[in-house]
Structures are given as structure tokens and as C-alpha cells.
Amino acid sequence: MNPNEYQKLAMTTLNKDLSKKDILINGVMGLCGESGEVIDLVKKHLHQGHELNKEKIIDELGDVCWYIAEIAYVLGVPFEEVLIKNIEKLKKRFPNGFEVEKSINRE
């Protein structure tokens, strides 16, 4: 499946009764919430003695993707475009791969 196919399939579960503004708000709030669930799993592993639950993290990462796809959808942007633009930005920032110096002194 490619990113745009994912977005199309994921958006079949979008609440179409919401306004564009509410879809955007839902997307941003959902993204923050699901990202928080990922960090909570890592926190429990690092600080509370839990095993790292990779399957649950994968589930939560899927939810993160859903909300990113929703935000892109309401902006009228194909999901793949979000990914492409991110890689272009990273290539520009780190043309030879990650470098601490370039990370510290970003332009």
C-alpha cells in the first residue's frame, strides 16, 4: 500500500459530519493524544519496569499516521506529499546524513 492509498482508506473512517475546522482541530488534538500514548509506553518501559510493548507502540504509531493523514486530507494534501516534503527538508538539512554540528547550528 502506498501513502495515498492509506490516506484514502483511512479517511473512510473520518466523521464527515464535522466542518473542515473541526476536522483540523480533531486531527491536531488526536495527533497530540496518540503521540502522548507512544511516549507513555516508552516512559513505562524506561522508568516503571514494564517490558517494551512493541505491538502496542506499532498500534499507536498507526493511530499517529491516521491523524497525520486526516490533517493532510483537510488541507487538501496527499499524504505522500507530506512524506516527500519531509525527506526533501531532511536532505537539505543533512545532505551527508545526520551530523551533530548541523543539528546544533541549524539554519
PDB file of N, CA and C in Angstrom:
ATOM      1  N   MET A   1       0.848  -1.171   0.000  1.00  0.00           N
ATOM      2  CA  MET A   1       0.000   0.000   0.000  1.00  0.00           C
ATOM      3  C   MET A   1       0.897   1.240   0.000  1.00  0.00           C
ATOM      4  N   ASN A   2       0.557   2.211  -0.812  1.00  0.00           N
ATOM      5  CA  ASN A   2       1.315   3.450  -0.791  1.00  0.00           C
ATOM      6  C   ASN A   2       0.633   4.466   0.131  1.00  0.00           C
ATOM      7  N   PRO A   3       1.305   5.549   0.473  1.00  0.00           N
ATOM      8  CA  PRO A   3       0.747   6.501   1.430  1.00  0.00           C
ATOM      9  C   PRO A   3      -0.602   7.085   1.021  1.00  0.00           C
ATOM     10  N   ASN A   4      -0.768   7.360  -0.265  1.00  0.00           N
ATOM     11  CA  ASN A   4      -2.043   7.935  -0.692  1.00  0.00           C
ATOM     12  C   ASN A   4      -3.180   6.928  -0.621  1.00  0.00           C
ATOM     13  N   GLU A   5      -2.877   5.655  -0.891  1.00  0.00           N
ATOM     14  CA  GLU A   5      -3.889   4.603  -0.716  1.00  0.00           C
ATOM     15  C   GLU A   5      -4.267   4.502   0.759  1.00  0.00           C
ATOM     16  N   TYR A   6      -3.255   4.576   1.634  1.00  0.00           N
ATOM     17  CA  TYR A   6      -3.528   4.552   3.074  1.00  0.00           C
ATOM     18  C   TYR A   6      -4.464   5.697   3.449  1.00  0.00           C
ATOM     19  N   GLN A   7      -4.137   6.893   2.988  1.00  0.00           N
ATOM     20  CA  GLN A   7      -4.945   8.063   3.331  1.00  0.00           C
ATOM     21  C   GLN A   7      -6.385   7.876   2.857  1.00  0.00           C
ATOM     22  N   LYS A   8      -6.549   7.404   1.638  1.00  0.00           N
ATOM     23  CA  LYS A   8      -7.895   7.197   1.097  1.00  0.00           C
ATOM     24  C   LYS A   8      -8.674   6.191   1.941  1.00  0.00           C
ATOM     25  N   LEU A   9      -8.033   5.071   2.277  1.00  0.00           N
ATOM     26  CA  LEU A   9      -8.704   4.058   3.101  1.00  0.00           C
ATOM     27  C   LEU A   9      -8.959   4.564   4.524  1.00  0.00           C
ATOM     28  N   ALA A  10      -7.981   5.241   5.094  1.00  0.00           N
ATOM     29  CA  ALA A  10      -8.138   5.751   6.463  1.00  0.00           C
ATOM     30  C   ALA A  10      -9.279   6.763   6.535  1.00  0.00           C
ATOM     31  N   MET A  11      -9.422   7.577   5.506  1.00  0.00           N
ATOM     32  CA  MET A  11     -10.447   8.622   5.538  1.00  0.00           C
ATOM     33  C   MET A  11     -11.857   8.087   5.356  1.00  0.00           C
ATOM     34  N   THR A  12     -11.993   6.791   5.063  1.00  0.00           N
ATOM     35  CA  THR A  12     -13.342   6.213   5.051  1.00  0.00           C
ATOM     36  C   THR A  12     -13.903   6.151   6.461  1.00  0.00           C
ATOM     37  N   THR A  13     -13.035   6.289   7.477  1.00  0.00           N
ATOM     38  CA  THR A  13     -13.489   6.272   8.867  1.00  0.00           C
ATOM     39  C   THR A  13     -13.560   7.674   9.462  1.00  0.00           C
ATOM     40  N   LEU A  14     -13.398   8.690   8.637  1.00  0.00           N
ATOM     41  CA  LEU A  14     -13.483  10.086   9.072  1.00  0.00           C
ATOM     42  C   LEU A  14     -14.935  10.466   9.320  1.00  0.00           C
ATOM     43  N   ASN A  15     -15.184  11.229  10.357  1.00  0.00           N
ATOM     44  CA  ASN A  15     -16.522  11.748  10.626  1.00  0.00           C
ATOM     45  C   ASN A  15     -16.808  12.885   9.654  1.00  0.00           C
ATOM     46  N   LYS A  16     -17.525  12.592   8.598  1.00  0.00           N
ATOM     47  CA  LYS A  16     -17.795  13.565   7.532  1.00  0.00           C
ATOM     48  C   LYS A  16     -18.796  14.633   7.969  1.00  0.00           C
ATOM     49  N   ASP A  17     -19.411  14.482   9.149  1.00  0.00           N
ATOM     50  CA  ASP A  17     -20.345  15.488   9.649  1.00  0.00           C
ATOM     51  C   ASP A  17     -19.623  16.695  10.246  1.00  0.00           C
ATOM     52  N   LEU A  18     -18.325  16.557  10.457  1.00  0.00           N
ATOM     53  CA  LEU A  18     -17.559  17.657  11.023  1.00  0.00           C
ATOM     54  C   LEU A  18     -17.234  18.696   9.957  1.00  0.00           C
ATOM     55  N   SER A  19     -17.141  19.942  10.382  1.00  0.00           N
ATOM     56  CA  SER A  19     -16.695  21.004   9.473  1.00  0.00           C
ATOM     57  C   SER A  19     -15.199  20.843   9.232  1.00  0.00           C
ATOM     58  N   LYS A  20     -14.694  21.543   8.207  1.00  0.00           N
ATOM     59  CA  LYS A  20     -13.259  21.485   7.941  1.00  0.00           C
ATOM     60  C   LYS A  20     -12.474  21.942   9.172  1.00  0.00           C
ATOM     61  N   LYS A  21     -12.941  22.982   9.812  1.00  0.00           N
ATOM     62  CA  LYS A  21     -12.274  23.498  11.014  1.00  0.00           C
ATOM     63  C   LYS A  21     -12.244  22.426  12.094  1.00  0.00           C
ATOM     64  N   ASP A  22     -13.358  21.747  12.301  1.00  0.00           N
ATOM     65  CA  ASP A  22     -13.418  20.715  13.338  1.00  0.00           C
ATOM     66  C   ASP A  22     -12.590  19.487  12.980  1.00  0.00           C
ATOM     67  N   ILE A  23     -12.508  19.170  11.688  1.00  0.00           N
ATOM     68  CA  ILE A  23     -11.644  18.057  11.268  1.00  0.00           C
ATOM     69  C   ILE A  23     -10.197  18.408  11.567  1.00  0.00           C
ATOM     70  N   LEU A  24      -9.806  19.639  11.273  1.00  0.00           N
ATOM     71  CA  LEU A  24      -8.439  20.079  11.558  1.00  0.00           C
ATOM     72  C   LEU A  24      -8.151  20.019  13.056  1.00  0.00           C
ATOM     73  N   ILE A  25      -9.065  20.536  13.851  1.00  0.00           N
ATOM     74  CA  ILE A  25      -8.886  20.521  15.308  1.00  0.00           C
ATOM     75  C   ILE A  25      -8.815  19.080  15.813  1.00  0.00           C
ATOM     76  N   ASN A  26      -9.714  18.229  15.321  1.00  0.00           N
ATOM     77  CA  ASN A  26      -9.701  16.823  15.715  1.00  0.00           C
ATOM     78  C   ASN A  26      -8.371  16.173  15.361  1.00  0.00           C
ATOM     79  N   GLY A  27      -7.864  16.484  14.160  1.00  0.00           N
ATOM     80  CA  GLY A  27      -6.601  15.909  13.718  1.00  0.00           C
ATOM     81  C   GLY A  27      -5.436  16.322  14.596  1.00  0.00           C
ATOM     82  N   VAL A  28      -5.341  17.596  14.889  1.00  0.00           N
ATOM     83  CA  VAL A  28      -4.227  18.093  15.703  1.00  0.00           C
ATOM     84  C   VAL A  28      -4.327  17.562  17.130  1.00  0.00           C
ATOM     85  N   MET A  29      -5.519  17.580  17.690  1.00  0.00           N
ATOM     86  CA  MET A  29      -5.697  17.070  19.056  1.00  0.00           C
ATOM     87  C   MET A  29      -5.433  15.570  19.107  1.00  0.00           C
ATOM     88  N   GLY A  30      -5.920  14.844  18.115  1.00  0.00           N
ATOM     89  CA  GLY A  30      -5.699  13.402  18.072  1.00  0.00           C
ATOM     90  C   GLY A  30      -4.231  13.059  17.914  1.00  0.00           C
ATOM     91  N   LEU A  31      -3.529  13.820  17.072  1.00  0.00           N
ATOM     92  CA  LEU A  31      -2.101  13.604  16.885  1.00  0.00           C
ATOM     93  C   LEU A  31      -1.345  13.779  18.194  1.00  0.00           C
ATOM     94  N   CYS A  32      -1.669  14.826  18.924  1.00  0.00           N
ATOM     95  CA  CYS A  32      -1.024  15.052  20.222  1.00  0.00           C
ATOM     96  C   CYS A  32      -1.348  13.924  21.199  1.00  0.00           C
ATOM     97  N   GLY A  33      -2.600  13.512  21.218  1.00  0.00           N
ATOM     98  CA  GLY A  33      -3.006  12.449  22.136  1.00  0.00           C
ATOM     99  C   GLY A  33      -2.329  11.126  21.834  1.00  0.00           C
ATOM    100  N   GLU A  34      -2.309  10.746  20.572  1.00  0.00           N
ATOM    101  CA  GLU A  34      -1.694   9.460  20.203  1.00  0.00           C
ATOM    102  C   GLU A  34      -0.182   9.499  20.392  1.00  0.00           C
ATOM    103  N   SER A  35       0.443  10.640  20.106  1.00  0.00           N
ATOM    104  CA  SER A  35       1.881  10.777  20.363  1.00  0.00           C
ATOM    105  C   SER A  35       2.154  10.620  21.853  1.00  0.00           C
ATOM    106  N   GLY A  36       1.265  11.169  22.659  1.00  0.00           N
ATOM    107  CA  GLY A  36       1.383  11.016  24.108  1.00  0.00           C
ATOM    108  C   GLY A  36       1.276   9.566  24.538  1.00  0.00           C
ATOM    109  N   GLU A  37       0.438   8.793  23.867  1.00  0.00           N
ATOM    110  CA  GLU A  37       0.324   7.375  24.203  1.00  0.00           C
ATOM    111  C   GLU A  37       1.612   6.629  23.885  1.00  0.00           C
ATOM    112  N   VAL A  38       2.278   7.013  22.794  1.00  0.00           N
ATOM    113  CA  VAL A  38       3.559   6.389  22.447  1.00  0.00           C
ATOM    114  C   VAL A  38       4.590   6.696  23.525  1.00  0.00           C
ATOM    115  N   ILE A  39       4.695   7.951  23.913  1.00  0.00           N
ATOM    116  CA  ILE A  39       5.702   8.303  24.914  1.00  0.00           C
ATOM    117  C   ILE A  39       5.375   7.679  26.268  1.00  0.00           C
ATOM    118  N   ASP A  40       4.099   7.496  26.565  1.00  0.00           N
ATOM    119  CA  ASP A  40       3.729   6.856  27.823  1.00  0.00           C
ATOM    120  C   ASP A  40       4.207   5.409  27.869  1.00  0.00           C
ATOM    121  N   LEU A  41       4.112   4.714  26.745  1.00  0.00           N
ATOM    122  CA  LEU A  41       4.608   3.337  26.686  1.00  0.00           C
ATOM    123  C   LEU A  41       6.126   3.286  26.896  1.00  0.00           C
ATOM    124  N   VAL A  42       6.836   4.239  26.300  1.00  0.00           N
ATOM    125  CA  VAL A  42       8.289   4.292  26.473  1.00  0.00           C
ATOM    126  C   VAL A  42       8.631   4.664  27.913  1.00  0.00           C
ATOM    127  N   LYS A  43       7.900   5.613  28.475  1.00  0.00           N
ATOM    128  CA  LYS A  43       8.111   6.013  29.875  1.00  0.00           C
ATOM    129  C   LYS A  43       7.933   4.821  30.810  1.00  0.00           C
ATOM    130  N   LYS A  44       6.880   4.062  30.597  1.00  0.00           N
ATOM    131  CA  LYS A  44       6.639   2.893  31.449  1.00  0.00           C
ATOM    132  C   LYS A  44       7.777   1.889  31.333  1.00  0.00           C
ATOM    133  N   HIS A  45       8.318   1.756  30.126  1.00  0.00           N
ATOM    134  CA  HIS A  45       9.443   0.842  29.920  1.00  0.00           C
ATOM    135  C   HIS A  45      10.699   1.359  30.627  1.00  0.00           C
ATOM    136  N   LEU A  46      10.999   2.632  30.442  1.00  0.00           N
ATOM    137  CA  LEU A  46      12.248   3.189  30.973  1.00  0.00           C
ATOM    138  C   LEU A  46      12.227   3.447  32.472  1.00  0.00           C
ATOM    139  N   HIS A  47      11.051   3.770  33.011  1.00  0.00           N
ATOM    140  CA  HIS A  47      11.007   4.243  34.396  1.00  0.00           C
ATOM    141  C   HIS A  47      10.112   3.439  35.337  1.00  0.00           C
ATOM    142  N   GLN A  48       9.348   2.492  34.796  1.00  0.00           N
ATOM    143  CA  GLN A  48       8.416   1.769  35.658  1.00  0.00           C
ATOM    144  C   GLN A  48       8.550   0.256  35.557  1.00  0.00           C
ATOM    145  N   GLY A  49       9.578  -0.198  34.888  1.00  0.00           N
ATOM    146  CA  GLY A  49       9.846  -1.632  34.856  1.00  0.00           C
ATOM    147  C   GLY A  49       9.018  -2.450  33.895  1.00  0.00           C
ATOM    148  N   HIS A  50       8.257  -1.796  33.026  1.00  0.00           N
ATOM    149  CA  HIS A  50       7.450  -2.538  32.056  1.00  0.00           C
ATOM    150  C   HIS A  50       8.332  -3.042  30.916  1.00  0.00           C
ATOM    151  N   GLU A  51       7.940  -4.170  30.340  1.00  0.00           N
ATOM    152  CA  GLU A  51       8.572  -4.612  29.103  1.00  0.00           C
ATOM    153  C   GLU A  51       8.190  -3.606  28.015  1.00  0.00           C
ATOM    154  N   LEU A  52       9.081  -3.409  27.045  1.00  0.00           N
ATOM    155  CA  LEU A  52       8.751  -2.537  25.933  1.00  0.00           C
ATOM    156  C   LEU A  52       7.723  -3.260  25.067  1.00  0.00           C
ATOM    157  N   ASN A  53       6.536  -2.699  24.993  1.00  0.00           N
ATOM    158  CA  ASN A  53       5.428  -3.323  24.276  1.00  0.00           C
ATOM    159  C   ASN A  53       5.435  -2.847  22.819  1.00  0.00           C
ATOM    160  N   LYS A  54       6.226  -3.529  22.000  1.00  0.00           N
ATOM    161  CA  LYS A  54       6.394  -3.115  20.606  1.00  0.00           C
ATOM    162  C   LYS A  54       5.081  -3.164  19.831  1.00  0.00           C
ATOM    163  N   GLU A  55       4.272  -4.177  20.088  1.00  0.00           N
ATOM    164  CA  GLU A  55       2.997  -4.288  19.361  1.00  0.00           C
ATOM    165  C   GLU A  55       2.088  -3.108  19.667  1.00  0.00           C
ATOM    166  N   LYS A  56       2.029  -2.707  20.922  1.00  0.00           N
ATOM    167  CA  LYS A  56       1.198  -1.564  21.307  1.00  0.00           C
ATOM    168  C   LYS A  56       1.757  -0.276  20.698  1.00  0.00           C
ATOM    169  N   ILE A  57       3.089  -0.155  20.671  1.00  0.00           N
ATOM    170  CA  ILE A  57       3.684   1.026  20.044  1.00  0.00           C
ATOM    171  C   ILE A  57       3.326   1.067  18.560  1.00  0.00           C
ATOM    172  N   ILE A  58       3.388  -0.077  17.894  1.00  0.00           N
ATOM    173  CA  ILE A  58       3.011  -0.134  16.478  1.00  0.00           C
ATOM    174  C   ILE A  58       1.561   0.308  16.300  1.00  0.00           C
ATOM    175  N   ASP A  59       0.668  -0.167  17.184  1.00  0.00           N
ATOM    176  CA  ASP A  59      -0.737   0.244  17.124  1.00  0.00           C
ATOM    177  C   ASP A  59      -0.869   1.757  17.263  1.00  0.00           C
ATOM    178  N   GLU A  60      -0.151   2.319  18.230  1.00  0.00           N
ATOM    179  CA  GLU A  60      -0.235   3.760  18.467  1.00  0.00           C
ATOM    180  C   GLU A  60       0.379   4.548  17.313  1.00  0.00           C
ATOM    181  N   LEU A  61       1.465   4.051  16.732  1.00  0.00           N
ATOM    182  CA  LEU A  61       2.052   4.717  15.566  1.00  0.00           C
ATOM    183  C   LEU A  61       1.071   4.726  14.404  1.00  0.00           C
ATOM    184  N   GLY A  62       0.301   3.655  14.269  1.00  0.00           N
ATOM    185  CA  GLY A  62      -0.745   3.629  13.251  1.00  0.00           C
ATOM    186  C   GLY A  62      -1.769   4.726  13.493  1.00  0.00           C
ATOM    187  N   ASP A  63      -2.129   4.922  14.764  1.00  0.00           N
ATOM    188  CA  ASP A  63      -3.074   6.000  15.095  1.00  0.00           C
ATOM    189  C   ASP A  63      -2.471   7.373  14.788  1.00  0.00           C
ATOM    190  N   VAL A  64      -1.171   7.533  15.059  1.00  0.00           N
ATOM    191  CA  VAL A  64      -0.479   8.781  14.714  1.00  0.00           C
ATOM    192  C   VAL A  64      -0.594   9.015  13.205  1.00  0.00           C
ATOM    193  N   CYS A  65      -0.348   7.975  12.430  1.00  0.00           N
ATOM    194  CA  CYS A  65      -0.457   8.091  10.967  1.00  0.00           C
ATOM    195  C   CYS A  65      -1.861   8.490  10.543  1.00  0.00           C
ATOM    196  N   TRP A  66      -2.865   7.929  11.207  1.00  0.00           N
ATOM    197  CA  TRP A  66      -4.252   8.246  10.859  1.00  0.00           C
ATOM    198  C   TRP A  66      -4.500   9.736  11.020  1.00  0.00           C
ATOM    199  N   TYR A  67      -4.054  10.285  12.130  1.00  0.00           N
ATOM    200  CA  TYR A  67      -4.291  11.712  12.372  1.00  0.00           C
ATOM    201  C   TYR A  67      -3.476  12.592  11.442  1.00  0.00           C
ATOM    202  N   ILE A  68      -2.272  12.185  11.078  1.00  0.00           N
ATOM    203  CA  ILE A  68      -1.500  12.945  10.094  1.00  0.00           C
ATOM    204  C   ILE A  68      -2.226  12.913   8.745  1.00  0.00           C
ATOM    205  N   ALA A  69      -2.733  11.749   8.378  1.00  0.00           N
ATOM    206  CA  ALA A  69      -3.492  11.624   7.126  1.00  0.00           C
ATOM    207  C   ALA A  69      -4.737  12.503   7.169  1.00  0.00           C
ATOM    208  N   GLU A  70      -5.388  12.584   8.322  1.00  0.00           N
ATOM    209  CA  GLU A  70      -6.590  13.415   8.460  1.00  0.00           C
ATOM    210  C   GLU A  70      -6.251  14.892   8.280  1.00  0.00           C
ATOM    211  N   ILE A  71      -5.177  15.331   8.920  1.00  0.00           N
ATOM    212  CA  ILE A  71      -4.776  16.736   8.802  1.00  0.00           C
ATOM    213  C   ILE A  71      -4.425  17.055   7.352  1.00  0.00           C
ATOM    214  N   ALA A  72      -3.661  16.181   6.719  1.00  0.00           N
ATOM    215  CA  ALA A  72      -3.305  16.392   5.313  1.00  0.00           C
ATOM    216  C   ALA A  72      -4.564  16.424   4.445  1.00  0.00           C
ATOM    217  N   TYR A  73      -5.488  15.517   4.720  1.00  0.00           N
ATOM    218  CA  TYR A  73      -6.735  15.443   3.957  1.00  0.00           C
ATOM    219  C   TYR A  73      -7.498  16.761   4.031  1.00  0.00           C
ATOM    220  N   VAL A  74      -7.667  17.289   5.222  1.00  0.00           N
ATOM    221  CA  VAL A  74      -8.457  18.514   5.370  1.00  0.00           C
ATOM    222  C   VAL A  74      -7.736  19.709   4.738  1.00  0.00           C
ATOM    223  N   LEU A  75      -6.409  19.616   4.622  1.00  0.00           N
ATOM    224  CA  LEU A  75      -5.644  20.665   3.942  1.00  0.00           C
ATOM    225  C   LEU A  75      -5.616  20.461   2.433  1.00  0.00           C
ATOM    226  N   GLY A  76      -6.164  19.325   1.967  1.00  0.00           N
ATOM    227  CA  GLY A  76      -6.187  19.025   0.545  1.00  0.00           C
ATOM    228  C   GLY A  76      -4.843  18.565   0.014  1.00  0.00           C
ATOM    229  N   VAL A  77      -4.062  17.922   0.891  1.00  0.00           N
ATOM    230  CA  VAL A  77      -2.706  17.496   0.536  1.00  0.00           C
ATOM    231  C   VAL A  77      -2.634  15.973   0.567  1.00  0.00           C
ATOM    232  N   PRO A  78      -2.131  15.346  -0.495  1.00  0.00           N
ATOM    233  CA  PRO A  78      -1.926  13.896  -0.448  1.00  0.00           C
ATOM    234  C   PRO A  78      -0.898  13.542   0.636  1.00  0.00           C
ATOM    235  N   PHE A  79      -1.142  12.463   1.343  1.00  0.00           N
ATOM    236  CA  PHE A  79      -0.249  12.011   2.421  1.00  0.00           C
ATOM    237  C   PHE A  79       1.179  11.852   1.912  1.00  0.00           C
ATOM    238  N   GLU A  80       1.305  11.321   0.702  1.00  0.00           N
ATOM    239  CA  GLU A  80       2.632  11.111   0.131  1.00  0.00           C
ATOM    240  C   GLU A  80       3.402  12.425   0.022  1.00  0.00           C
ATOM    241  N   GLU A  81       2.704  13.514  -0.256  1.00  0.00           N
ATOM    242  CA  GLU A  81       3.359  14.821  -0.369  1.00  0.00           C
ATOM    243  C   GLU A  81       3.987  15.242   0.965  1.00  0.00           C
ATOM    244  N   VAL A  82       3.306  14.936   2.052  1.00  0.00           N
ATOM    245  CA  VAL A  82       3.847  15.242   3.377  1.00  0.00           C
ATOM    246  C   VAL A  82       5.179  14.507   3.572  1.00  0.00           C
ATOM    247  N   LEU A  83       5.200  13.237   3.194  1.00  0.00           N
ATOM    248  CA  LEU A  83       6.403  12.426   3.353  1.00  0.00           C
ATOM    249  C   LEU A  83       7.530  12.910   2.437  1.00  0.00           C
ATOM    250  N   ILE A  84       7.183  13.229   1.205  1.00  0.00           N
ATOM    251  CA  ILE A  84       8.188  13.709   0.247  1.00  0.00           C
ATOM    252  C   ILE A  84       8.797  15.018   0.730  1.00  0.00           C
ATOM    253  N   LYS A  85       7.962  15.947   1.159  1.00  0.00           N
ATOM    254  CA  LYS A  85       8.472  17.242   1.623  1.00  0.00           C
ATOM    255  C   LYS A  85       9.361  17.077   2.848  1.00  0.00           C
ATOM    256  N   ASN A  86       9.033  16.130   3.709  1.00  0.00           N
ATOM    257  CA  ASN A  86       9.867  15.892   4.880  1.00  0.00           C
ATOM    258  C   ASN A  86      11.243  15.388   4.478  1.00  0.00           C
ATOM    259  N   ILE A  87      11.288  14.455   3.533  1.00  0.00           N
ATOM    260  CA  ILE A  87      12.582  13.932   3.066  1.00  0.00           C
ATOM    261  C   ILE A  87      13.389  15.040   2.384  1.00  0.00           C
ATOM    262  N   GLU A  88      12.728  15.868   1.591  1.00  0.00           N
ATOM    263  CA  GLU A  88      13.431  16.989   0.947  1.00  0.00           C
ATOM    264  C   GLU A  88      14.043  17.915   1.996  1.00  0.00           C
ATOM    265  N   LYS A  89      13.280  18.209   3.048  1.00  0.00           N
ATOM    266  CA  LYS A  89      13.781  19.061   4.123  1.00  0.00           C
ATOM    267  C   LYS A  89      14.978  18.416   4.812  1.00  0.00           C
ATOM    268  N   LEU A  90      14.886  17.122   5.095  1.00  0.00           N
ATOM    269  CA  LEU A  90      15.974  16.417   5.769  1.00  0.00           C
ATOM    270  C   LEU A  90      17.228  16.346   4.900  1.00  0.00           C
ATOM    271  N   LYS A  91      17.048  16.118   3.602  1.00  0.00           N
ATOM    272  CA  LYS A  91      18.198  16.083   2.694  1.00  0.00           C
ATOM    273  C   LYS A  91      18.898  17.432   2.650  1.00  0.00           C
ATOM    274  N   LYS A  92      18.113  18.493   2.672  1.00  0.00           N
ATOM    275  CA  LYS A  92      18.680  19.844   2.661  1.00  0.00           C
ATOM    276  C   LYS A  92      19.419  20.126   3.970  1.00  0.00           C
ATOM    277  N   ARG A  93      18.821  19.723   5.073  1.00  0.00           N
ATOM    278  CA  ARG A  93      19.403  19.970   6.394  1.00  0.00           C
ATOM    279  C   ARG A  93      20.627  19.096   6.648  1.00  0.00           C
ATOM    280  N   PHE A  94      20.554  17.842   6.238  1.00  0.00           N
ATOM    281  CA  PHE A  94      21.627  16.873   6.487  1.00  0.00           C
ATOM    282  C   PHE A  94      22.002  16.178   5.176  1.00  0.00           C
ATOM    283  N   PRO A  95      22.650  16.884   4.234  1.00  0.00           N
ATOM    284  CA  PRO A  95      22.929  16.293   2.921  1.00  0.00           C
ATOM    285  C   PRO A  95      23.832  15.067   2.974  1.00  0.00           C
ATOM    286  N   ASN A  96      24.639  14.942   4.005  1.00  0.00           N
ATOM    287  CA  ASN A  96      25.532  13.787   4.146  1.00  0.00           C
ATOM    288  C   ASN A  96      25.102  12.867   5.281  1.00  0.00           C
ATOM    289  N   GLY A  97      23.846  12.944   5.662  1.00  0.00           N
ATOM    290  CA  GLY A  97      23.358  12.197   6.815  1.00  0.00           C
ATOM    291  C   GLY A  97      23.464  13.054   8.058  1.00  0.00           C
ATOM    292  N   PHE A  98      22.967  12.553   9.169  1.00  0.00           N
ATOM    293  CA  PHE A  98      22.934  13.321  10.412  1.00  0.00           C
ATOM    294  C   PHE A  98      24.331  13.717  10.862  1.00  0.00           C
ATOM    295  N   GLU A  99      24.453  14.965  11.256  1.00  0.00           N
ATOM    296  CA  GLU A  99      25.689  15.484  11.839  1.00  0.00           C
ATOM    297  C   GLU A  99      25.307  16.345  13.036  1.00  0.00           C
ATOM    298  N   VAL A 100      25.949  16.091  14.186  1.00  0.00           N
ATOM    299  CA  VAL A 100      25.644  16.837  15.408  1.00  0.00           C
ATOM    300  C   VAL A 100      25.789  18.335  15.170  1.00  0.00           C
ATOM    301  N   GLU A 101      26.877  18.731  14.544  1.00  0.00           N
ATOM    302  CA  GLU A 101      27.137  20.159  14.314  1.00  0.00           C
ATOM    303  C   GLU A 101      26.011  20.808  13.521  1.00  0.00           C
ATOM    304  N   LYS A 102      25.544  20.144  12.463  1.00  0.00           N
ATOM    305  CA  LYS A 102      24.447  20.695  11.666  1.00  0.00           C
ATOM    306  C   LYS A 102      23.142  20.722  12.453  1.00  0.00           C
ATOM    307  N   SER A 103      22.974  19.779  13.366  1.00  0.00           N
ATOM    308  CA  SER A 103      21.779  19.762  14.193  1.00  0.00           C
ATOM    309  C   SER A 103      21.793  20.932  15.173  1.00  0.00           C
ATOM    310  N   ILE A 104      22.936  21.202  15.755  1.00  0.00           N
ATOM    311  CA  ILE A 104      23.052  22.285  16.730  1.00  0.00           C
ATOM    312  C   ILE A 104      22.933  23.644  16.044  1.00  0.00           C
ATOM    313  N   ASN A 105      23.568  23.790  14.905  1.00  0.00           N
ATOM    314  CA  ASN A 105      23.615  25.067  14.188  1.00  0.00           C
ATOM    315  C   ASN A 105      22.751  25.026  12.936  1.00  0.00           C
ATOM    316  N   ARG A 106      21.463  24.728  13.144  1.00  0.00           N
ATOM    317  CA  ARG A 106      20.530  24.661  12.012  1.00  0.00           C
ATOM    318  C   ARG A 106      20.260  26.042  11.464  1.00  0.00           C
ATOM    319  N   GLU A 107      20.052  26.091  10.167  1.00  0.00           N
ATOM    320  CA  GLU A 107      19.694  27.357   9.522  1.00  0.00           C
ATOM    321  C   GLU A 107      18.206  27.453   9.410  1.00  0.00           C
TER     322      GLU A 107
END
